[in-house]
PDB file of all heavy atoms in Angstrom:
ATOM      1  N   PRO A   1     105.374  95.551  87.991  1.00  0.00           N
ATOM      2  CA  PRO A   1     105.568  94.965  86.659  1.00  0.00           C
ATOM      3  C   PRO A   1     104.297  94.388  86.031  1.00  0.00           C
ATOM      4  O   PRO A   1     104.298  94.043  84.848  1.00  0.00           O
ATOM      5  CB  PRO A   1     106.596  93.843  86.914  1.00  0.00           C
ATOM      6  CG  PRO A   1     107.277  94.229  88.190  1.00  0.00           C
ATOM      7  CD  PRO A   1     106.208  94.867  89.005  1.00  0.00           C
ATOM      8  N   LEU A   2     103.212  94.256  86.812  1.00  0.00           N
ATOM      9  CA  LEU A   2     101.997  93.632  86.310  1.00  0.00           C
ATOM     10  C   LEU A   2     101.160  94.617  85.488  1.00  0.00           C
ATOM     11  O   LEU A   2     101.157  95.822  85.740  1.00  0.00           O
ATOM     12  CB  LEU A   2     101.157  93.096  87.468  1.00  0.00           C
ATOM     13  CG  LEU A   2     101.838  92.077  88.383  1.00  0.00           C
ATOM     14  CD1 LEU A   2     100.900  91.679  89.521  1.00  0.00           C
ATOM     15  CD2 LEU A   2     102.273  90.847  87.604  1.00  0.00           C
ATOM     16  N   SER A   3     100.427  94.103  84.516  1.00  0.00           N
ATOM     17  CA  SER A   3      99.559  94.924  83.671  1.00  0.00           C
ATOM     18  C   SER A   3      98.303  95.328  84.436  1.00  0.00           C
ATOM     19  O   SER A   3      97.749  94.534  85.204  1.00  0.00           O
ATOM     20  CB  SER A   3      99.161  94.144  82.423  1.00  0.00           C
ATOM     21  OG  SER A   3      98.111  94.800  81.734  1.00  0.00           O
ATOM     22  N   PRO A   4      97.797  96.560  84.222  1.00  0.00           N
ATOM     23  CA  PRO A   4      96.521  96.963  84.822  1.00  0.00           C
ATOM     24  C   PRO A   4      95.366  96.043  84.441  1.00  0.00           C
ATOM     25  O   PRO A   4      94.381  95.960  85.165  1.00  0.00           O
ATOM     26  CB  PRO A   4      96.303  98.374  84.256  1.00  0.00           C
ATOM     27  CG  PRO A   4      97.682  98.892  84.010  1.00  0.00           C
ATOM     28  CD  PRO A   4      98.465  97.692  83.537  1.00  0.00           C
ATOM     29  N   THR A   5      95.478  95.347  83.308  1.00  0.00           N
ATOM     30  CA  THR A   5      94.400  94.447  82.889  1.00  0.00           C
ATOM     31  C   THR A   5      94.306  93.206  83.767  1.00  0.00           C
ATOM     32  O   THR A   5      93.323  92.484  83.711  1.00  0.00           O
ATOM     33  CB  THR A   5      94.607  94.001  81.425  1.00  0.00           C
ATOM     34  OG1 THR A   5      95.854  93.300  81.309  1.00  0.00           O
ATOM     35  CG2 THR A   5      94.602  95.182  80.489  1.00  0.00           C
ATOM     36  N   ALA A   6      95.349  92.952  84.579  1.00  0.00           N
ATOM     37  CA  ALA A   6      95.343  91.782  85.464  1.00  0.00           C
ATOM     38  C   ALA A   6      95.104  92.149  86.923  1.00  0.00           C
ATOM     39  O   ALA A   6      94.978  91.264  87.766  1.00  0.00           O
ATOM     40  CB  ALA A   6      96.680  91.037  85.347  1.00  0.00           C
ATOM     41  N   MET A   7      95.041  93.446  87.235  1.00  0.00           N
ATOM     42  CA  MET A   7      94.881  93.893  88.611  1.00  0.00           C
ATOM     43  C   MET A   7      93.408  93.897  89.021  1.00  0.00           C
ATOM     44  O   MET A   7      92.522  94.197  88.207  1.00  0.00           O
ATOM     45  CB  MET A   7      95.475  95.292  88.790  1.00  0.00           C
ATOM     46  CG  MET A   7      96.946  95.381  88.410  1.00  0.00           C
ATOM     47  SD  MET A   7      97.986  94.270  89.379  1.00  0.00           S
ATOM     48  CE  MET A   7      97.793  94.985  91.003  1.00  0.00           C
ATOM     49  N   GLU A   8      93.153  93.602  90.287  1.00  0.00           N
ATOM     50  CA  GLU A   8      91.776  93.541  90.772  1.00  0.00           C
ATOM     51  C   GLU A   8      91.143  94.916  90.954  1.00  0.00           C
ATOM     52  O   GLU A   8      89.959  95.107  90.690  1.00  0.00           O
ATOM     53  CB  GLU A   8      91.716  92.786  92.105  1.00  0.00           C
ATOM     54  CG  GLU A   8      92.093  91.321  92.029  1.00  0.00           C
ATOM     55  CD  GLU A   8      93.575  91.067  92.231  1.00  0.00           C
ATOM     56  OE1 GLU A   8      94.361  92.047  92.173  1.00  0.00           O
ATOM     57  OE2 GLU A   8      93.946  89.903  92.449  1.00  0.00           O
ATOM     58  N   ALA A   9      91.936  95.890  91.445  1.00  0.00           N
ATOM     59  CA  ALA A   9      91.404  97.211  91.765  1.00  0.00           C
ATOM     60  C   ALA A   9      91.281  98.087  90.527  1.00  0.00           C
ATOM     61  O   ALA A   9      92.156  98.078  89.650  1.00  0.00           O
ATOM     62  CB  ALA A   9      92.299  97.904  92.790  1.00  0.00           C
ATOM     63  N   ILE A  10      90.203  98.870  90.450  1.00  0.00           N
ATOM     64  CA  ILE A  10      90.012  99.784  89.337  1.00  0.00           C
ATOM     65  C   ILE A  10      91.090 100.864  89.339  1.00  0.00           C
ATOM     66  O   ILE A  10      91.582 101.268  88.277  1.00  0.00           O
ATOM     67  CB  ILE A  10      88.605 100.412  89.386  1.00  0.00           C
ATOM     68  CG1 ILE A  10      87.550  99.336  89.087  1.00  0.00           C
ATOM     69  CG2 ILE A  10      88.482 101.570  88.392  1.00  0.00           C
ATOM     70  CD1 ILE A  10      86.125  99.821  89.202  1.00  0.00           C
ATOM     71  N   ASP A  11      91.471 101.335  90.546  1.00  0.00           N
ATOM     72  CA  ASP A  11      92.558 102.310  90.605  1.00  0.00           C
ATOM     73  C   ASP A  11      93.920 101.629  90.634  1.00  0.00           C
ATOM     74  O   ASP A  11      94.934 102.227  90.989  1.00  0.00           O
ATOM     75  CB  ASP A  11      92.386 103.276  91.780  1.00  0.00           C
ATOM     76  CG  ASP A  11      92.292 102.581  93.124  1.00  0.00           C
ATOM     77  OD1 ASP A  11      92.356 101.344  93.157  1.00  0.00           O
ATOM     78  OD2 ASP A  11      92.172 103.290  94.150  1.00  0.00           O
ATOM     79  N   VAL A  12      93.951 100.373  90.258  1.00  0.00           N
ATOM     80  CA  VAL A  12      95.115  99.558  89.919  1.00  0.00           C
ATOM     81  C   VAL A  12      95.978  99.213  91.138  1.00  0.00           C
ATOM     82  O   VAL A  12      95.685  98.241  91.837  1.00  0.00           O
ATOM     83  CB  VAL A  12      95.970 100.195  88.809  1.00  0.00           C
ATOM     84  CG1 VAL A  12      97.033  99.208  88.314  1.00  0.00           C
ATOM     85  CG2 VAL A  12      95.088 100.607  87.623  1.00  0.00           C
ATOM     86  N   TYR A  13      97.018  99.975  91.419  1.00  0.00           N
ATOM     87  CA  TYR A  13      98.013  99.563  92.401  1.00  0.00           C
ATOM     88  C   TYR A  13      97.721 100.131  93.782  1.00  0.00           C
ATOM     89  O   TYR A  13      96.972 101.103  93.931  1.00  0.00           O
ATOM     90  CB  TYR A  13      99.407  99.991  91.947  1.00  0.00           C
ATOM     91  CG  TYR A  13      99.744  99.542  90.544  1.00  0.00           C
ATOM     92  CD1 TYR A  13      99.965 100.472  89.533  1.00  0.00           C
ATOM     93  CD2 TYR A  13      99.818  98.193  90.217  1.00  0.00           C
ATOM     94  CE1 TYR A  13     100.257 100.073  88.239  1.00  0.00           C
ATOM     95  CE2 TYR A  13     100.114  97.792  88.933  1.00  0.00           C
ATOM     96  CZ  TYR A  13     100.328  98.723  87.939  1.00  0.00           C
ATOM     97  OH  TYR A  13     100.612  98.319  86.666  1.00  0.00           O
ATOM     98  N   SER A  14      98.347  99.534  94.797  1.00  0.00           N
ATOM     99  CA  SER A  14      98.197 100.022  96.160  1.00  0.00           C
ATOM    100  C   SER A  14      98.843 101.397  96.304  1.00  0.00           C
ATOM    101  O   SER A  14      99.648 101.824  95.467  1.00  0.00           O
ATOM    102  CB  SER A  14      98.847  99.040  97.139  1.00  0.00           C
ATOM    103  OG  SER A  14     100.254  99.069  97.002  1.00  0.00           O
ATOM    104  N   GLU A  15      98.508 102.099  97.391  1.00  0.00           N
ATOM    105  CA  GLU A  15      99.069 103.430  97.631  1.00  0.00           C
ATOM    106  C   GLU A  15     100.592 103.372  97.768  1.00  0.00           C
ATOM    107  O   GLU A  15     101.307 104.238  97.256  1.00  0.00           O
ATOM    108  CB  GLU A  15      98.456 104.038  98.896  1.00  0.00           C
ATOM    109  CG  GLU A  15      96.984 104.351  98.781  1.00  0.00           C
ATOM    110  CD  GLU A  15      96.699 105.423  97.729  1.00  0.00           C
ATOM    111  OE1 GLU A  15      97.354 106.477  97.766  1.00  0.00           O
ATOM    112  OE2 GLU A  15      95.821 105.195  96.889  1.00  0.00           O
ATOM    113  N   SER A  16     101.091 102.363  98.457  1.00  0.00           N
ATOM    114  CA  SER A  16     102.537 102.252  98.666  1.00  0.00           C
ATOM    115  C   SER A  16     103.269 101.966  97.366  1.00  0.00           C
ATOM    116  O   SER A  16     104.341 102.532  97.101  1.00  0.00           O
ATOM    117  CB  SER A  16     102.839 101.163  99.703  1.00  0.00           C
ATOM    118  OG  SER A  16     102.126  99.978  99.428  1.00  0.00           O
ATOM    119  N   VAL A  17     102.705 101.119  96.515  1.00  0.00           N
ATOM    120  CA  VAL A  17     103.328 100.828  95.215  1.00  0.00           C
ATOM    121  C   VAL A  17     103.303 102.071  94.330  1.00  0.00           C
ATOM    122  O   VAL A  17     104.292 102.411  93.673  1.00  0.00           O
ATOM    123  CB  VAL A  17     102.611  99.652  94.529  1.00  0.00           C
ATOM    124  CG1 VAL A  17     103.085  99.498  93.081  1.00  0.00           C
ATOM    125  CG2 VAL A  17     102.848  98.359  95.293  1.00  0.00           C
ATOM    126  N   THR A  18     102.172 102.771  94.311  1.00  0.00           N
ATOM    127  CA  THR A  18     102.046 103.978  93.498  1.00  0.00           C
ATOM    128  C   THR A  18     103.084 105.024  93.895  1.00  0.00           C
ATOM    129  O   THR A  18     103.681 105.691  93.038  1.00  0.00           O
ATOM    130  CB  THR A  18     100.633 104.570  93.637  1.00  0.00           C
ATOM    131  OG1 THR A  18      99.674 103.596  93.238  1.00  0.00           O
ATOM    132  CG2 THR A  18     100.467 105.801  92.755  1.00  0.00           C
ATOM    133  N   PHE A  19     103.323 105.176  95.199  1.00  0.00           N
ATOM    134  CA  PHE A  19     104.264 106.179  95.688  1.00  0.00           C
ATOM    135  C   PHE A  19     105.720 105.742  95.488  1.00  0.00           C
ATOM    136  O   PHE A  19     106.543 106.501  94.983  1.00  0.00           O
ATOM    137  CB  PHE A  19     104.003 106.436  97.171  1.00  0.00           C
ATOM    138  CG  PHE A  19     104.815 107.549  97.765  1.00  0.00           C
ATOM    139  CD1 PHE A  19     104.375 108.857  97.720  1.00  0.00           C
ATOM    140  CD2 PHE A  19     106.040 107.288  98.370  1.00  0.00           C
ATOM    141  CE1 PHE A  19     105.121 109.890  98.266  1.00  0.00           C
ATOM    142  CE2 PHE A  19     106.801 108.310  98.915  1.00  0.00           C
ATOM    143  CZ  PHE A  19     106.341 109.618  98.868  1.00  0.00           C
ATOM    144  N   LEU A  20     106.043 104.512  95.871  1.00  0.00           N
ATOM    145  CA  LEU A  20     107.440 104.084  95.933  1.00  0.00           C
ATOM    146  C   LEU A  20     108.027 103.664  94.584  1.00  0.00           C
ATOM    147  O   LEU A  20     109.241 103.661  94.418  1.00  0.00           O
ATOM    148  CB  LEU A  20     107.589 102.939  96.942  1.00  0.00           C
ATOM    149  CG  LEU A  20     107.298 103.312  98.401  1.00  0.00           C
ATOM    150  CD1 LEU A  20     107.322 102.070  99.287  1.00  0.00           C
ATOM    151  CD2 LEU A  20     108.292 104.344  98.915  1.00  0.00           C
ATOM    152  N   THR A  21     107.192 103.308  93.623  1.00  0.00           N
ATOM    153  CA  THR A  21     107.710 102.876  92.318  1.00  0.00           C
ATOM    154  C   THR A  21     107.661 103.976  91.268  1.00  0.00           C
ATOM    155  O   THR A  21     108.072 103.764  90.125  1.00  0.00           O
ATOM    156  CB  THR A  21     106.930 101.662  91.787  1.00  0.00           C
ATOM    157  OG1 THR A  21     105.576 102.053  91.513  1.00  0.00           O
ATOM    158  CG2 THR A  21     106.935 100.521  92.790  1.00  0.00           C
ATOM    159  N   GLY A  22     107.150 105.150  91.637  1.00  0.00           N
ATOM    160  CA  GLY A  22     107.101 106.254  90.679  1.00  0.00           C
ATOM    161  C   GLY A  22     105.896 106.226  89.770  1.00  0.00           C
ATOM    162  O   GLY A  22     105.932 106.793  88.681  1.00  0.00           O
ATOM    163  N   CYS A  23     104.808 105.585  90.209  1.00  0.00           N
ATOM    164  CA  CYS A  23     103.605 105.551  89.374  1.00  0.00           C
ATOM    165  C   CYS A  23     102.857 106.887  89.377  1.00  0.00           C
ATOM    166  O   CYS A  23     101.955 107.070  88.575  1.00  0.00           O
ATOM    167  CB  CYS A  23     102.671 104.440  89.847  1.00  0.00           C
ATOM    168  SG  CYS A  23     103.238 102.787  89.431  1.00  0.00           S
ATOM    169  N   GLY A  24     103.200 107.790  90.320  1.00  0.00           N
ATOM    170  CA  GLY A  24     102.596 109.102  90.180  1.00  0.00           C
ATOM    171  C   GLY A  24     102.317 109.913  91.420  1.00  0.00           C
ATOM    172  O   GLY A  24     102.087 111.108  91.322  1.00  0.00           O
ATOM    173  N   SER A  25     102.306 109.325  92.632  1.00  0.00           N
ATOM    174  CA  SER A  25     101.880 110.106  93.791  1.00  0.00           C
ATOM    175  C   SER A  25     103.025 110.735  94.577  1.00  0.00           C
ATOM    176  O   SER A  25     102.788 111.374  95.589  1.00  0.00           O
ATOM    177  CB  SER A  25     101.041 109.223  94.731  1.00  0.00           C
ATOM    178  OG  SER A  25     101.806 108.141  95.230  1.00  0.00           O
ATOM    179  N   ASP A  26     104.279 110.563  94.143  1.00  0.00           N
ATOM    180  CA  ASP A  26     105.418 111.188  94.797  1.00  0.00           C
ATOM    181  C   ASP A  26     105.763 112.486  94.068  1.00  0.00           C
ATOM    182  O   ASP A  26     106.327 112.461  92.976  1.00  0.00           O
ATOM    183  CB  ASP A  26     106.621 110.245  94.797  1.00  0.00           C
ATOM    184  CG  ASP A  26     107.848 110.845  95.473  1.00  0.00           C
ATOM    185  OD1 ASP A  26     107.727 111.952  96.032  1.00  0.00           O
ATOM    186  OD2 ASP A  26     108.908 110.206  95.441  1.00  0.00           O
ATOM    187  N   PRO A  27     105.451 113.659  94.656  1.00  0.00           N
ATOM    188  CA  PRO A  27     105.704 114.930  93.969  1.00  0.00           C
ATOM    189  C   PRO A  27     107.179 115.166  93.659  1.00  0.00           C
ATOM    190  O   PRO A  27     107.495 115.874  92.690  1.00  0.00           O
ATOM    191  CB  PRO A  27     105.184 115.975  94.962  1.00  0.00           C
ATOM    192  CG  PRO A  27     104.201 115.237  95.819  1.00  0.00           C
ATOM    193  CD  PRO A  27     104.751 113.849  95.942  1.00  0.00           C
ATOM    194  N   LEU A  28     108.081 114.608  94.458  1.00  0.00           N
ATOM    195  CA  LEU A  28     109.507 114.824  94.220  1.00  0.00           C
ATOM    196  C   LEU A  28     109.933 114.309  92.850  1.00  0.00           C
ATOM    197  O   LEU A  28     110.827 114.878  92.214  1.00  0.00           O
ATOM    198  CB  LEU A  28     110.344 114.126  95.297  1.00  0.00           C
ATOM    199  CG  LEU A  28     110.243 114.678  96.726  1.00  0.00           C
ATOM    200  CD1 LEU A  28     111.038 113.788  97.678  1.00  0.00           C
ATOM    201  CD2 LEU A  28     110.751 116.110  96.792  1.00  0.00           C
ATOM    202  N   MET A  29     109.313 113.233  92.390  1.00  0.00           N
ATOM    203  CA  MET A  29     109.704 112.606  91.128  1.00  0.00           C
ATOM    204  C   MET A  29     108.686 112.808  90.004  1.00  0.00           C
ATOM    205  O   MET A  29     108.995 112.596  88.839  1.00  0.00           O
ATOM    206  CB  MET A  29     109.915 111.097  91.331  1.00  0.00           C
ATOM    207  CG  MET A  29     110.993 110.760  92.346  1.00  0.00           C
ATOM    208  SD  MET A  29     112.604 111.490  91.959  1.00  0.00           S
ATOM    209  CE  MET A  29     113.003 110.630  90.447  1.00  0.00           C
ATOM    210  N   GLY A  30     107.452 113.201  90.362  1.00  0.00           N
ATOM    211  CA  GLY A  30     106.428 113.380  89.347  1.00  0.00           C
ATOM    212  C   GLY A  30     105.914 112.046  88.822  1.00  0.00           C
ATOM    213  O   GLY A  30     106.237 110.984  89.349  1.00  0.00           O
ATOM    214  N   VAL A  31     105.107 112.102  87.764  1.00  0.00           N
ATOM    215  CA  VAL A  31     104.522 110.893  87.191  1.00  0.00           C
ATOM    216  C   VAL A  31     105.554 110.171  86.334  1.00  0.00           C
ATOM    217  O   VAL A  31     106.033 110.710  85.340  1.00  0.00           O
ATOM    218  CB  VAL A  31     103.283 111.225  86.346  1.00  0.00           C
ATOM    219  CG1 VAL A  31     102.693 109.950  85.757  1.00  0.00           C
ATOM    220  CG2 VAL A  31     102.237 111.944  87.196  1.00  0.00           C
ATOM    221  N   GLN A  32     105.899 108.947  86.738  1.00  0.00           N
ATOM    222  CA  GLN A  32     106.866 108.143  85.985  1.00  0.00           C
ATOM    223  C   GLN A  32     106.224 106.903  85.356  1.00  0.00           C
ATOM    224  O   GLN A  32     106.866 106.176  84.612  1.00  0.00           O
ATOM    225  CB  GLN A  32     107.991 107.687  86.914  1.00  0.00           C
ATOM    226  CG  GLN A  32     108.782 108.817  87.535  1.00  0.00           C
ATOM    227  CD  GLN A  32     109.882 108.294  88.445  1.00  0.00           C
ATOM    228  OE1 GLN A  32     110.156 107.103  88.508  1.00  0.00           O
ATOM    229  NE2 GLN A  32     110.518 109.187  89.173  1.00  0.00           N
ATOM    230  N   TYR A  33     104.967 106.645  85.678  1.00  0.00           N
ATOM    231  CA  TYR A  33     104.254 105.476  85.175  1.00  0.00           C
ATOM    232  C   TYR A  33     104.965 104.173  85.542  1.00  0.00           C
ATOM    233  O   TYR A  33     104.791 103.155  84.864  1.00  0.00           O
ATOM    234  CB  TYR A  33     104.065 105.556  83.656  1.00  0.00           C
ATOM    235  CG  TYR A  33     103.261 106.751  83.216  1.00  0.00           C
ATOM    236  CD1 TYR A  33     103.892 107.928  82.816  1.00  0.00           C
ATOM    237  CD2 TYR A  33     101.867 106.715  83.213  1.00  0.00           C
ATOM    238  CE1 TYR A  33     103.158 109.040  82.415  1.00  0.00           C
ATOM    239  CE2 TYR A  33     101.128 107.826  82.813  1.00  0.00           C
ATOM    240  CZ  TYR A  33     101.774 108.984  82.411  1.00  0.00           C
ATOM    241  OH  TYR A  33     101.045 110.074  82.019  1.00  0.00           O
ATOM    242  N   GLY A  34     105.787 104.210  86.596  1.00  0.00           N
ATOM    243  CA  GLY A  34     106.489 102.998  87.032  1.00  0.00           C
ATOM    244  C   GLY A  34     107.527 102.515  86.037  1.00  0.00           C
ATOM    245  O   GLY A  34     107.940 101.361  86.081  1.00  0.00           O
ATOM    246  N   ARG A  35     107.980 103.421  85.153  1.00  0.00           N
ATOM    247  CA  ARG A  35     108.910 103.040  84.082  1.00  0.00           C
ATOM    248  C   ARG A  35     110.128 103.952  84.097  1.00  0.00           C
ATOM    249  O   ARG A  35     110.114 105.045  84.647  1.00  0.00           O
ATOM    250  CB  ARG A  35     108.213 103.100  82.723  1.00  0.00           C
ATOM    251  CG  ARG A  35     107.090 102.070  82.563  1.00  0.00           C
ATOM    252  CD  ARG A  35     106.306 102.314  81.291  1.00  0.00           C
ATOM    253  NE  ARG A  35     105.418 101.199  80.971  1.00  0.00           N
ATOM    254  CZ  ARG A  35     104.164 101.098  81.403  1.00  0.00           C
ATOM    255  NH1 ARG A  35     103.648 102.034  82.200  1.00  0.00           N
ATOM    256  NH2 ARG A  35     103.420 100.061  81.063  1.00  0.00           N
ATOM    257  N   ASP A  36     111.186 103.487  83.427  1.00  0.00           N
ATOM    258  CA  ASP A  36     112.422 104.259  83.391  1.00  0.00           C
ATOM    259  C   ASP A  36     113.285 103.778  82.228  1.00  0.00           C
ATOM    260  O   ASP A  36     113.014 102.736  81.617  1.00  0.00           O
ATOM    261  CB  ASP A  36     113.176 104.088  84.705  1.00  0.00           C
ATOM    262  CG  ASP A  36     114.099 105.257  85.019  1.00  0.00           C
ATOM    263  OD1 ASP A  36     114.293 106.110  84.130  1.00  0.00           O
ATOM    264  OD2 ASP A  36     114.632 105.304  86.133  1.00  0.00           O
ATOM    265  N   LEU A  37     114.309 104.536  81.929  1.00  0.00           N
ATOM    266  CA  LEU A  37     115.273 104.181  80.879  1.00  0.00           C
ATOM    267  C   LEU A  37     116.467 103.479  81.501  1.00  0.00           C
ATOM    268  O   LEU A  37     117.004 103.935  82.517  1.00  0.00           O
ATOM    269  CB  LEU A  37     115.752 105.439  80.161  1.00  0.00           C
ATOM    270  CG  LEU A  37     114.772 106.057  79.161  1.00  0.00           C
ATOM    271  CD1 LEU A  37     115.073 107.532  78.973  1.00  0.00           C
ATOM    272  CD2 LEU A  37     114.846 105.337  77.826  1.00  0.00           C
ATOM    273  N   GLY A  38     116.877 102.361  80.892  1.00  0.00           N
ATOM    274  CA  GLY A  38     118.026 101.667  81.452  1.00  0.00           C
ATOM    275  C   GLY A  38     118.321 100.330  80.804  1.00  0.00           C
ATOM    276  O   GLY A  38     117.873 100.035  79.689  1.00  0.00           O
ATOM    277  N   LEU A  39     119.060  99.533  81.545  1.00  0.00           N
ATOM    278  CA  LEU A  39     119.529  98.223  81.096  1.00  0.00           C
ATOM    279  C   LEU A  39     119.139  97.186  82.146  1.00  0.00           C
ATOM    280  O   LEU A  39     119.229  97.444  83.350  1.00  0.00           O
ATOM    281  CB  LEU A  39     121.045  98.247  80.921  1.00  0.00           C
ATOM    282  CG  LEU A  39     121.751  96.935  80.587  1.00  0.00           C
ATOM    283  CD1 LEU A  39     121.442  96.515  79.151  1.00  0.00           C
ATOM    284  CD2 LEU A  39     123.263  97.083  80.785  1.00  0.00           C
ATOM    285  N   ALA A  40     118.732  96.003  81.697  1.00  0.00           N
ATOM    286  CA  ALA A  40     118.353  94.936  82.621  1.00  0.00           C
ATOM    287  C   ALA A  40     118.885  93.599  82.138  1.00  0.00           C
ATOM    288  O   ALA A  40     119.015  93.369  80.927  1.00  0.00           O
ATOM    289  CB  ALA A  40     116.834  94.859  82.773  1.00  0.00           C
ATOM    290  N   VAL A  41     119.187  92.724  83.069  1.00  0.00           N
ATOM    291  CA  VAL A  41     119.468  91.319  82.776  1.00  0.00           C
ATOM    292  C   VAL A  41     118.511  90.496  83.627  1.00  0.00           C
ATOM    293  O   VAL A  41     118.283  90.810  84.797  1.00  0.00           O
ATOM    294  CB  VAL A  41     120.936  90.940  83.068  1.00  0.00           C
ATOM    295  CG1 VAL A  41     121.861  91.637  82.111  1.00  0.00           C
ATOM    296  CG2 VAL A  41     121.321  91.248  84.495  1.00  0.00           C
ATOM    297  N   PHE A  42     117.923  89.462  83.035  1.00  0.00           N
ATOM    298  CA  PHE A  42     116.962  88.644  83.776  1.00  0.00           C
ATOM    299  C   PHE A  42     116.953  87.233  83.217  1.00  0.00           C
ATOM    300  O   PHE A  42     117.477  86.956  82.122  1.00  0.00           O
ATOM    301  CB  PHE A  42     115.561  89.258  83.708  1.00  0.00           C
ATOM    302  CG  PHE A  42     115.006  89.390  82.311  1.00  0.00           C
ATOM    303  CD1 PHE A  42     114.260  88.379  81.727  1.00  0.00           C
ATOM    304  CD2 PHE A  42     115.238  90.547  81.571  1.00  0.00           C
ATOM    305  CE1 PHE A  42     113.747  88.509  80.446  1.00  0.00           C
ATOM    306  CE2 PHE A  42     114.737  90.690  80.289  1.00  0.00           C
ATOM    307  CZ  PHE A  42     113.992  89.665  79.730  1.00  0.00           C
ATOM    308  N   GLY A  43     116.350  86.335  83.976  1.00  0.00           N
ATOM    309  CA  GLY A  43     116.257  84.949  83.540  1.00  0.00           C
ATOM    310  C   GLY A  43     115.577  84.093  84.584  1.00  0.00           C
ATOM    311  O   GLY A  43     115.200  84.570  85.663  1.00  0.00           O
ATOM    312  N   GLU A  44     115.424  82.817  84.254  1.00  0.00           N
ATOM    313  CA  GLU A  44     114.829  81.867  85.186  1.00  0.00           C
ATOM    314  C   GLU A  44     115.528  80.518  85.088  1.00  0.00           C
ATOM    315  O   GLU A  44     116.042  80.143  84.034  1.00  0.00           O
ATOM    316  CB  GLU A  44     113.338  81.725  84.935  1.00  0.00           C
ATOM    317  CG  GLU A  44     112.955  81.244  83.547  1.00  0.00           C
ATOM    318  CD  GLU A  44     111.450  81.172  83.361  1.00  0.00           C
ATOM    319  OE1 GLU A  44     110.777  82.192  83.592  1.00  0.00           O
ATOM    320  OE2 GLU A  44     110.951  80.084  82.983  1.00  0.00           O
TER     321      GLU A  44
END
């Protein structure tokens, strides 16, 4: 959920995050940019 502008690494996310969240390295799902269509509820 964090912006690339706040990440320390130039290649942004870790390998595990890139693969498991759909940021692009999982060929089964293709490049998803870590985003999807849906509904959410949140709060604090």
